[in-house]
C-alpha atoms as a PDB file:
ATOM      1  CA  MET A   1      -0.117   0.133  -0.063  1.00  0.00           C
ATOM      2  CA  LYS A   2       2.660   2.355   0.787  1.00  0.00           C
ATOM      3  CA  ILE A   3       4.330   1.628  -2.205  1.00  0.00           C
ATOM      4  CA  GLU A   4       1.042   2.410  -4.263  1.00  0.00           C
ATOM      5  CA  ILE A   5       0.380   5.707  -2.298  1.00  0.00           C
ATOM      6  CA  ASN A   6       4.142   6.795  -3.042  1.00  0.00           C
ATOM      7  CA  LYS A   7       3.617   6.273  -6.900  1.00  0.00           C
ATOM      8  CA  SER A   8       0.452   8.006  -6.862  1.00  0.00           C
ATOM      9  CA  LYS A   9       2.007  10.850  -5.171  1.00  0.00           C
ATOM     10  CA  THR A  10       4.875  11.092  -7.664  1.00  0.00           C
ATOM     11  CA  VAL A  11       2.452  11.189 -10.598  1.00  0.00           C
ATOM     12  CA  ILE A  12       0.254  13.574  -9.330  1.00  0.00           C
ATOM     13  CA  LYS A  13       3.498  15.860  -8.548  1.00  0.00           C
ATOM     14  CA  SER A  14       4.623  15.114 -12.511  1.00  0.00           C
ATOM     15  CA  ALA A  15       1.078  16.324 -13.477  1.00  0.00           C
ATOM     16  CA  VAL A  16       1.046  19.504 -11.632  1.00  0.00           C
ATOM     17  CA  LYS A  17       4.571  20.584 -12.750  1.00  0.00           C
ATOM     18  CA  LEU A  18       3.497  19.492 -16.551  1.00  0.00           C
ATOM     19  CA  GLY A  19       0.654  21.608 -15.975  1.00  0.00           C
ATOM     20  CA  VAL A  20       2.956  24.521 -14.486  1.00  0.00           C
ATOM     21  CA  LEU A  21       5.447  24.047 -17.349  1.00  0.00           C
ATOM     22  CA  ILE A  22       2.396  24.017 -20.158  1.00  0.00           C
ATOM     23  CA  THR A  23       1.064  27.329 -18.762  1.00  0.00           C
ATOM     24  CA  SER A  24       4.309  28.997 -18.617  1.00  0.00           C
ATOM     25  CA  VAL A  25       4.957  28.163 -22.208  1.00  0.00           C
ATOM     26  CA  ASN A  26       1.684  29.434 -23.214  1.00  0.00           C
ATOM     27  CA  PHE A  27       2.031  32.451 -21.502  1.00  0.00           C
ATOM     28  CA  LEU A  28       5.404  32.950 -23.103  1.00  0.00           C
ATOM     29  CA  LEU A  29       4.011  32.445 -26.708  1.00  0.00           C
ATOM     30  CA  SER A  30       0.995  34.628 -26.025  1.00  0.00           C
ATOM     31  CA  SER A  31       3.388  37.357 -24.661  1.00  0.00           C
ATOM     32  CA  CYS A  32       6.075  36.643 -27.621  1.00  0.00           C
ATOM     33  CA  MET A  33       2.915  36.800 -30.300  1.00  0.00           C
ATOM     34  CA  LYS A  34       1.778  39.838 -29.067  1.00  0.00           C
ATOM     35  CA  ASP A  35       5.047  41.414 -29.109  1.00  0.00           C
ATOM     36  CA  LEU A  36       5.390  40.189 -32.999  1.00  0.00           C
ATOM     37  CA  ASP A  37       1.674  42.002 -33.507  1.00  0.00           C
ATOM     38  CA  ASN A  38       3.323  45.379 -32.524  1.00  0.00           C
ATOM     39  CA  LYS A  39       6.282  45.059 -35.078  1.00  0.00           C
ATOM     40  CA  ILE A  40       6.495  45.751 -38.722  1.00  0.00           C
ATOM     41  CA  ASP A  41       6.310  42.771 -40.945  1.00  0.00           C
ATOM     42  CA  GLU A  42       9.722  42.630 -42.332  1.00  0.00           C
ATOM     43  CA  THR A  43       8.866  40.138 -45.261  1.00  0.00           C
ATOM     44  CA  ARG A  44       6.873  42.730 -47.194  1.00  0.00           C
ATOM     45  CA  VAL A  45       6.926  46.443 -47.585  1.00  0.00           C
ATOM     46  CA  THR A  46       4.399  48.618 -46.147  1.00  0.00           C
ATOM     47  CA  ASP A  47       3.714  52.314 -45.530  1.00  0.00           C
ATOM     48  CA  ALA A  48       5.351  51.913 -42.133  1.00  0.00           C
ATOM     49  CA  SER A  49       8.656  51.086 -43.375  1.00  0.00           C
ATOM     50  CA  PHE A  50       8.658  52.612 -46.532  1.00  0.00           C
ATOM     51  CA  TRP A  51       8.918  56.420 -47.711  1.00  0.00           C
ATOM     52  CA  LYS A  52      11.635  57.064 -45.306  1.00  0.00           C
ATOM     53  CA  THR A  53      14.829  57.906 -47.316  1.00  0.00           C
ATOM     54  CA  GLU A  54      15.749  59.454 -50.583  1.00  0.00           C
ATOM     55  CA  GLN A  55      16.204  55.620 -51.628  1.00  0.00           C
ATOM     56  CA  HIS A  56      12.642  54.930 -51.071  1.00  0.00           C
ATOM     57  CA  LEU A  57      11.459  57.813 -52.728  1.00  0.00           C
ATOM     58  CA  LEU A  58      13.736  56.770 -55.856  1.00  0.00           C
ATOM     59  CA  MET A  59      12.374  53.419 -56.034  1.00  0.00           C
ATOM     60  CA  GLY A  60       9.034  54.833 -56.030  1.00  0.00           C
ATOM     61  CA  VAL A  61       9.410  56.953 -58.813  1.00  0.00           C
ATOM     62  CA  ASN A  62      11.375  54.162 -60.781  1.00  0.00           C
ATOM     63  CA  TYR A  63       8.229  52.196 -60.813  1.00  0.00           C
ATOM     64  CA  LEU A  64       6.608  54.635 -62.740  1.00  0.00           C
ATOM     65  CA  TYR A  65       9.295  53.999 -65.706  1.00  0.00           C
ATOM     66  CA  THR A  66       7.895  50.403 -66.025  1.00  0.00           C
ATOM     67  CA  PHE A  67       4.626  51.967 -67.357  1.00  0.00           C
ATOM     68  CA  LEU A  68       6.579  53.202 -70.292  1.00  0.00           C
ATOM     69  CA  PRO A  69       6.131  51.248 -73.708  1.00  0.00           C
ATOM     70  CA  GLY A  70       8.674  48.998 -74.574  1.00  0.00           C
ATOM     71  CA  ILE A  71      10.692  48.325 -78.059  1.00  0.00           C
ATOM     72  CA  GLY A  72       8.789  45.501 -79.631  1.00  0.00           C
ATOM     73  CA  GLU A  73       7.917  44.538 -83.223  1.00  0.00           C
ATOM     74  CA  ASN A  74       6.582  47.422 -85.133  1.00  0.00           C
ATOM     75  CA  SER A  75       3.215  45.794 -86.232  1.00  0.00           C
ATOM     76  CA  ALA A  76       1.716  49.072 -87.309  1.00  0.00           C
ATOM     77  CA  ALA A  77       4.091  48.962 -90.378  1.00  0.00           C
ATOM     78  CA  ASN A  78       2.502  45.769 -91.763  1.00  0.00           C
ATOM     79  CA  TRP A  79      -0.417  48.247 -92.816  1.00  0.00           C
ATOM     80  CA  ALA A  80       1.878  50.375 -94.768  1.00  0.00           C
ATOM     81  CA  ASP A  81       3.494  50.225 -98.230  1.00  0.00           C
ATOM     82  CA  ASP A  82       7.105  49.323 -96.568  1.00  0.00           C
ATOM     83  CA  SER A  83       6.211  46.048 -94.821  1.00  0.00           C
ATOM     84  CA  ARG A  84       3.475  43.041 -95.239  1.00  0.00           C
ATOM     85  CA  SER A  85       2.257  40.535 -92.784  1.00  0.00           C
ATOM     86  CA  THR A  86       2.447  37.060 -93.555  1.00  0.00           C
ATOM     87  CA  GLY A  87      -1.122  36.425 -91.583  1.00  0.00           C
ATOM     88  CA  ASN A  88      -4.462  37.963 -91.750  1.00  0.00           C
ATOM     89  CA  ASN A  89      -5.077  41.361 -90.394  1.00  0.00           C
ATOM     90  CA  SER A  90      -8.277  41.564 -88.498  1.00  0.00           C
ATOM     91  CA  ILE A  91      -8.891  45.438 -88.779  1.00  0.00           C
ATOM     92  CA  SER A  92      -8.273  45.250 -92.784  1.00  0.00           C
ATOM     93  CA  ASP A  93     -10.325  42.004 -93.273  1.00  0.00           C
ATOM     94  CA  GLY A  94     -12.969  43.138 -91.297  1.00  0.00           C
ATOM     95  CA  SER A  95     -12.986  40.429 -88.898  1.00  0.00           C
ATOM     96  CA  ARG A  96     -12.218  42.543 -85.817  1.00  0.00           C
ATOM     97  CA  LEU A  97     -14.767  42.662 -82.801  1.00  0.00           C
ATOM     98  CA  VAL A  98     -15.120  45.773 -80.485  1.00  0.00           C
ATOM     99  CA  PRO A  99     -13.419  44.861 -77.213  1.00  0.00           C
ATOM    100  CA  ASN A 100     -15.370  44.624 -73.749  1.00  0.00           C
ATOM    101  CA  GLY A 101     -12.645  46.896 -72.045  1.00  0.00           C
ATOM    102  CA  SER A 102      -9.500  48.326 -72.895  1.00  0.00           C
ATOM    103  CA  GLY A 103      -6.054  48.339 -71.163  1.00  0.00           C
ATOM    104  CA  ASP A 104      -5.580  51.822 -72.515  1.00  0.00           C
ATOM    105  CA  TYR A 105      -7.808  52.996 -69.857  1.00  0.00           C
ATOM    106  CA  THR A 106      -7.145  50.868 -66.583  1.00  0.00           C
ATOM    107  CA  THR A 107      -3.291  50.881 -66.954  1.00  0.00           C
ATOM    108  CA  ASN A 108      -3.000  54.483 -67.674  1.00  0.00           C
ATOM    109  CA  TYR A 109      -5.167  55.127 -64.326  1.00  0.00           C
ATOM    110  CA  GLN A 110      -3.014  52.848 -62.650  1.00  0.00           C
ATOM    111  CA  LEU A 111       0.005  55.058 -63.612  1.00  0.00           C
ATOM    112  CA  ILE A 112      -1.950  57.812 -62.652  1.00  0.00           C
ATOM    113  CA  ARG A 113      -2.509  56.292 -58.869  1.00  0.00           C
ATOM    114  CA  ALA A 114       1.005  55.496 -58.704  1.00  0.00           C
ATOM    115  CA  VAL A 115       1.816  59.238 -59.342  1.00  0.00           C
ATOM    116  CA  ASN A 116      -0.405  60.423 -56.909  1.00  0.00           C
ATOM    117  CA  THR A 117       0.905  58.106 -53.946  1.00  0.00           C
ATOM    118  CA  VAL A 118       4.457  59.305 -54.854  1.00  0.00           C
ATOM    119  CA  LEU A 119       3.464  62.820 -54.994  1.00  0.00           C
ATOM    120  CA  GLU A 120       1.493  62.744 -51.578  1.00  0.00           C
ATOM    121  CA  LYS A 121       4.258  60.615 -49.860  1.00  0.00           C
ATOM    122  CA  ALA A 122       7.002  62.912 -50.947  1.00  0.00           C
ATOM    123  CA  GLN A 123       5.385  65.766 -49.194  1.00  0.00           C
ATOM    124  CA  GLN A 124       5.415  63.896 -45.913  1.00  0.00           C
ATOM    125  CA  MET A 125       9.092  63.072 -46.074  1.00  0.00           C
ATOM    126  CA  SER A 126      11.948  64.699 -44.268  1.00  0.00           C
ATOM    127  CA  LEU A 127      14.114  65.272 -47.258  1.00  0.00           C
ATOM    128  CA  ASP A 128      15.729  68.464 -48.908  1.00  0.00           C
ATOM    129  CA  ALA A 129      13.287  70.463 -51.030  1.00  0.00           C
ATOM    130  CA  GLY A 130      15.263  69.984 -54.011  1.00  0.00           C
ATOM    131  CA  ILE A 131      15.237  66.349 -53.865  1.00  0.00           C
ATOM    132  CA  ILE A 132      11.523  66.090 -53.301  1.00  0.00           C
ATOM    133  CA  SER A 133      10.884  69.017 -56.316  1.00  0.00           C
ATOM    134  CA  LYS A 134      13.097  66.705 -58.657  1.00  0.00           C
ATOM    135  CA  TYR A 135      11.386  63.417 -57.792  1.00  0.00           C
ATOM    136  CA  SER A 136       8.008  65.299 -57.958  1.00  0.00           C
ATOM    137  CA  ALA A 137       9.000  66.601 -61.492  1.00  0.00           C
ATOM    138  CA  GLU A 138       9.497  63.200 -62.466  1.00  0.00           C
ATOM    139  CA  ALA A 139       6.556  61.846 -61.111  1.00  0.00           C
ATOM    140  CA  ARG A 140       4.210  64.882 -62.642  1.00  0.00           C
ATOM    141  CA  PHE A 141       5.866  63.938 -66.205  1.00  0.00           C
ATOM    142  CA  PHE A 142       4.345  60.425 -66.006  1.00  0.00           C
ATOM    143  CA  ARG A 143       0.844  61.988 -64.886  1.00  0.00           C
ATOM    144  CA  ALA A 144       0.858  63.860 -67.985  1.00  0.00           C
ATOM    145  CA  PHE A 145       1.936  61.211 -69.929  1.00  0.00           C
ATOM    146  CA  ALA A 146      -0.794  59.027 -68.697  1.00  0.00           C
ATOM    147  CA  TYR A 147      -3.421  61.925 -69.276  1.00  0.00           C
ATOM    148  CA  GLY A 148      -2.004  62.516 -72.781  1.00  0.00           C
ATOM    149  CA  GLU A 149      -2.495  58.657 -73.684  1.00  0.00           C
ATOM    150  CA  LEU A 150      -5.822  58.910 -72.390  1.00  0.00           C
ATOM    151  CA  LEU A 151      -6.723  62.117 -74.278  1.00  0.00           C
ATOM    152  CA  LYS A 152      -5.753  60.875 -77.713  1.00  0.00           C
ATOM    153  CA  ARG A 153      -8.049  57.739 -77.218  1.00  0.00           C
ATOM    154  CA  PHE A 154     -10.833  58.770 -74.974  1.00  0.00           C
ATOM    155  CA  GLY A 155     -10.961  62.753 -75.042  1.00  0.00           C
ATOM    156  CA  GLY A 156     -11.861  64.056 -71.762  1.00  0.00           C
ATOM    157  CA  MET A 157     -11.489  61.965 -69.202  1.00  0.00           C
ATOM    158  CA  PRO A 158     -12.066  62.234 -65.054  1.00  0.00           C
ATOM    159  CA  ILE A 159      -9.710  64.066 -63.595  1.00  0.00           C
ATOM    160  CA  ILE A 160      -7.827  62.479 -60.650  1.00  0.00           C
ATOM    161  CA  THR A 161      -4.894  64.094 -58.811  1.00  0.00           C
ATOM    162  CA  ARG A 162      -5.011  62.404 -55.483  1.00  0.00           C
ATOM    163  CA  THR A 163      -5.214  59.171 -54.115  1.00  0.00           C
ATOM    164  CA  ILE A 164      -8.485  57.317 -53.579  1.00  0.00           C
ATOM    165  CA  ASN A 165     -10.430  54.797 -51.692  1.00  0.00           C
ATOM    166  CA  LEU A 166     -13.115  52.275 -52.008  1.00  0.00           C
ATOM    167  CA  ASN A 167     -15.852  54.823 -50.864  1.00  0.00           C
ATOM    168  CA  ASP A 168     -14.546  57.922 -52.438  1.00  0.00           C
ATOM    169  CA  GLU A 169     -16.710  60.303 -54.126  1.00  0.00           C
ATOM    170  CA  LEU A 170     -14.171  60.562 -57.095  1.00  0.00           C
ATOM    171  CA  LEU A 171     -14.967  57.155 -58.095  1.00  0.00           C
ATOM    172  CA  GLN A 172     -17.889  58.694 -59.731  1.00  0.00           C
ATOM    173  CA  ALA A 173     -16.349  61.983 -61.050  1.00  0.00           C
ATOM    174  CA  PRO A 174     -17.610  63.169 -64.287  1.00  0.00           C
ATOM    175  CA  ARG A 175     -15.524  63.347 -67.548  1.00  0.00           C
ATOM    176  CA  GLY A 176     -13.382  66.393 -67.719  1.00  0.00           C
ATOM    177  CA  THR A 177     -13.294  68.599 -71.065  1.00  0.00           C
ATOM    178  CA  ARG A 178     -10.582  68.222 -73.506  1.00  0.00           C
ATOM    179  CA  GLU A 179      -9.479  71.755 -72.235  1.00  0.00           C
ATOM    180  CA  GLU A 180      -9.416  70.713 -68.701  1.00  0.00           C
ATOM    181  CA  VAL A 181      -7.331  67.519 -69.609  1.00  0.00           C
ATOM    182  CA  ILE A 182      -4.676  69.161 -71.455  1.00  0.00           C
ATOM    183  CA  SER A 183      -4.365  72.019 -68.835  1.00  0.00           C
ATOM    184  CA  LEU A 184      -3.596  69.684 -66.318  1.00  0.00           C
ATOM    185  CA  ILE A 185      -1.036  67.926 -68.909  1.00  0.00           C
ATOM    186  CA  TYR A 186       0.872  71.468 -69.678  1.00  0.00           C
ATOM    187  CA  SER A 187       0.570  72.168 -65.973  1.00  0.00           C
ATOM    188  CA  GLY A 188       2.679  69.057 -64.850  1.00  0.00           C
ATOM    189  CA  LEU A 189       5.245  69.378 -67.601  1.00  0.00           C
ATOM    190  CA  ASP A 190       5.677  73.121 -66.963  1.00  0.00           C
ATOM    191  CA  TYR A 191       6.746  72.004 -63.430  1.00  0.00           C
ATOM    192  CA  ALA A 192       8.801  69.064 -64.696  1.00  0.00           C
ATOM    193  CA  ILE A 193      10.441  71.514 -66.782  1.00  0.00           C
ATOM    194  CA  GLN A 194      11.196  74.004 -64.454  1.00  0.00           C
ATOM    195  CA  ASN A 195      12.438  71.376 -62.010  1.00  0.00           C
ATOM    196  CA  LEU A 196      14.266  68.639 -64.068  1.00  0.00           C
ATOM    197  CA  PRO A 197      18.205  69.153 -64.785  1.00  0.00           C
ATOM    198  CA  GLU A 198      19.042  69.905 -68.330  1.00  0.00           C
ATOM    199  CA  ALA A 199      19.930  66.916 -70.539  1.00  0.00           C
ATOM    200  CA  SER A 200      23.575  68.323 -71.077  1.00  0.00           C
ATOM    201  CA  ALA A 201      23.892  68.287 -67.126  1.00  0.00           C
ATOM    202  CA  THR A 202      22.148  64.733 -66.504  1.00  0.00           C
ATOM    203  CA  LYS A 203      24.505  62.604 -64.666  1.00  0.00           C
ATOM    204  CA  SER A 204      25.956  59.510 -66.529  1.00  0.00           C
ATOM    205  CA  THR A 205      24.346  57.620 -63.269  1.00  0.00           C
ATOM    206  CA  ASP A 206      21.253  59.082 -64.427  1.00  0.00           C
ATOM    207  CA  TYR A 207      21.155  58.405 -67.905  1.00  0.00           C
ATOM    208  CA  GLY A 208      17.737  57.385 -69.399  1.00  0.00           C
ATOM    209  CA  ARG A 209      15.772  59.490 -66.737  1.00  0.00           C
ATOM    210  CA  ILE A 210      13.616  62.125 -67.645  1.00  0.00           C
ATOM    211  CA  ASN A 211      15.040  65.506 -68.095  1.00  0.00           C
ATOM    212  CA  LYS A 212      14.129  68.887 -69.015  1.00  0.00           C
ATOM    213  CA  SER A 213      14.447  68.180 -72.640  1.00  0.00           C
ATOM    214  CA  VAL A 214      12.194  65.107 -72.658  1.00  0.00           C
ATOM    215  CA  ALA A 215       9.503  66.861 -70.615  1.00  0.00           C
ATOM    216  CA  GLN A 216       9.854  69.673 -73.340  1.00  0.00           C
ATOM    217  CA  ALA A 217       9.439  66.951 -76.280  1.00  0.00           C
ATOM    218  CA  LEU A 218       6.360  65.469 -74.527  1.00  0.00           C
ATOM    219  CA  LYS A 219       4.912  69.130 -74.569  1.00  0.00           C
ATOM    220  CA  VAL A 220       5.871  69.232 -78.052  1.00  0.00           C
ATOM    221  CA  ARG A 221       3.961  66.315 -79.034  1.00  0.00           C
ATOM    222  CA  LEU A 222       0.783  66.515 -77.053  1.00  0.00           C
ATOM    223  CA  ALA A 223       0.270  70.455 -77.781  1.00  0.00           C
ATOM    224  CA  LEU A 224       0.883  69.303 -81.850  1.00  0.00           C
ATOM    225  CA  PHE A 225      -1.745  66.351 -81.453  1.00  0.00           C
ATOM    226  CA  GLU A 226      -4.238  68.500 -79.432  1.00  0.00           C
ATOM    227  CA  GLY A 227      -3.970  71.669 -81.729  1.00  0.00           C
ATOM    228  CA  THR A 228      -4.139  69.310 -85.212  1.00  0.00           C
ATOM    229  CA  PHE A 229      -6.964  67.651 -83.649  1.00  0.00           C
ATOM    230  CA  GLU A 230      -9.101  70.667 -82.980  1.00  0.00           C
ATOM    231  CA  LYS A 231      -8.092  72.368 -86.266  1.00  0.00           C
ATOM    232  CA  TYR A 232      -9.773  69.540 -88.448  1.00  0.00           C
ATOM    233  CA  HIS A 233     -12.473  68.999 -86.195  1.00  0.00           C
ATOM    234  CA  GLN A 234     -13.330  72.538 -85.725  1.00  0.00           C
ATOM    235  CA  LEU A 235     -13.111  72.722 -81.722  1.00  0.00           C
ATOM    236  CA  GLY A 236     -11.636  75.399 -79.417  1.00  0.00           C
ATOM    237  CA  ASP A 237      -8.324  77.436 -80.078  1.00  0.00           C
ATOM    238  CA  ALA A 238      -5.943  75.279 -82.500  1.00  0.00           C
ATOM    239  CA  ASN A 239      -3.750  78.071 -83.079  1.00  0.00           C
ATOM    240  CA  LYS A 240      -3.033  78.135 -78.997  1.00  0.00           C
ATOM    241  CA  HIS A 241      -1.873  74.498 -78.994  1.00  0.00           C
ATOM    242  CA  LEU A 242       0.090  74.810 -82.344  1.00  0.00           C
ATOM    243  CA  THR A 243       1.792  77.807 -80.791  1.00  0.00           C
ATOM    244  CA  ILE A 244       2.573  76.068 -77.809  1.00  0.00           C
ATOM    245  CA  ALA A 245       4.081  73.052 -79.766  1.00  0.00           C
ATOM    246  CA  LYS A 246       6.183  75.495 -81.896  1.00  0.00           C
ATOM    247  CA  ASN A 247       7.597  77.320 -78.778  1.00  0.00           C
ATOM    248  CA  ALA A 248       8.416  74.202 -76.942  1.00  0.00           C
ATOM    249  CA  ALA A 249      10.096  72.843 -79.918  1.00  0.00           C
ATOM    250  CA  ASN A 250      12.297  76.142 -80.230  1.00  0.00           C
ATOM    251  CA  ASP A 251      13.205  75.791 -76.551  1.00  0.00           C
ATOM    252  CA  ILE A 252      14.860  72.358 -77.574  1.00  0.00           C
ATOM    253  CA  ILE A 253      16.221  73.388 -80.242  1.00  0.00           C
ATOM    254  CA  SER A 254      17.880  76.649 -78.792  1.00  0.00           C
ATOM    255  CA  THR A 255      19.905  74.594 -76.333  1.00  0.00           C
ATOM    256  CA  GLY A 256      22.262  73.584 -79.310  1.00  0.00           C
ATOM    257  CA  TYR A 257      22.481  70.128 -77.311  1.00  0.00           C
ATOM    258  CA  PHE A 258      20.591  68.066 -80.313  1.00  0.00           C
ATOM    259  CA  LYS A 259      21.355  67.732 -83.813  1.00  0.00           C
ATOM    260  CA  LEU A 260      20.281  65.607 -86.393  1.00  0.00           C
ATOM    261  CA  PHE A 261      21.982  62.156 -86.641  1.00  0.00           C
ATOM    262  CA  THR A 262      24.789  61.847 -89.751  1.00  0.00           C
ATOM    263  CA  TYR A 263      25.339  58.630 -90.930  1.00  0.00           C
ATOM    264  CA  THR A 264      29.042  59.185 -91.978  1.00  0.00           C
ATOM    265  CA  ALA A 265      29.372  56.231 -94.152  1.00  0.00           C
ATOM    266  CA  ASN A 266      26.532  57.710 -96.593  1.00  0.00           C
ATOM    267  CA  PRO A 267      25.518  61.284 -95.230  1.00  0.00           C
ATOM    268  CA  THR A 268      22.378  61.175 -97.925  1.00  0.00           C
ATOM    269  CA  GLN A 269      20.890  58.054 -96.037  1.00  0.00           C
ATOM    270  CA  SER A 270      21.025  59.908 -92.390  1.00  0.00           C
END
């Protein structure tokens, strides 16, 4: 009997110790989890861990460059007299159907949202004003580019110049007029022209980045497009936009930095 009683006491003591151990472990795990909940998730990028340094702002602006069109096959040449396609062309043979949607719409508004995010976050960062202005100028160039693509395809579009959420009233924003859209484009490009470095002053490490002359060139293109559109559709003030295109082109030429390409081996083929 004594042996059995001692065994029972030993089992009870072991069970009590195990219970205390389990309780302690649960308490420690609970405390650790609470501590982890209060920390930043280092496995993904969040607003809490980003938008702190110039490098972060640079990375945010670099993302905008991914929206630029790539250099691929020039399929449009297949519709001209200098090339031909080996397959049928759905537009010319009449078999093309009108698509239900257009990536030209959604992709450009994705770019606009990314630009608005960069512009808003940049203003909240503790960086030199010159750095913020430079990268904000690049961002504004891309917003002008996006609205230029929308203007060419759809005309007046909803003007969104800030980030929006799922319940935002701007989700029901009406279409802006052509004049409102082109004015926004000019405003953004003028800011870029004023705050971006000259092409001749661009550092080698920044080769390929947007500079002042690139912003001027886009202004020439879009002003020429809008002026020509309004002239032949008898809308607005065509001469206003054509004059803007002319003046911006002259500004590029006057730098003396650019010249027509000369093919040395045979100048007549330049």
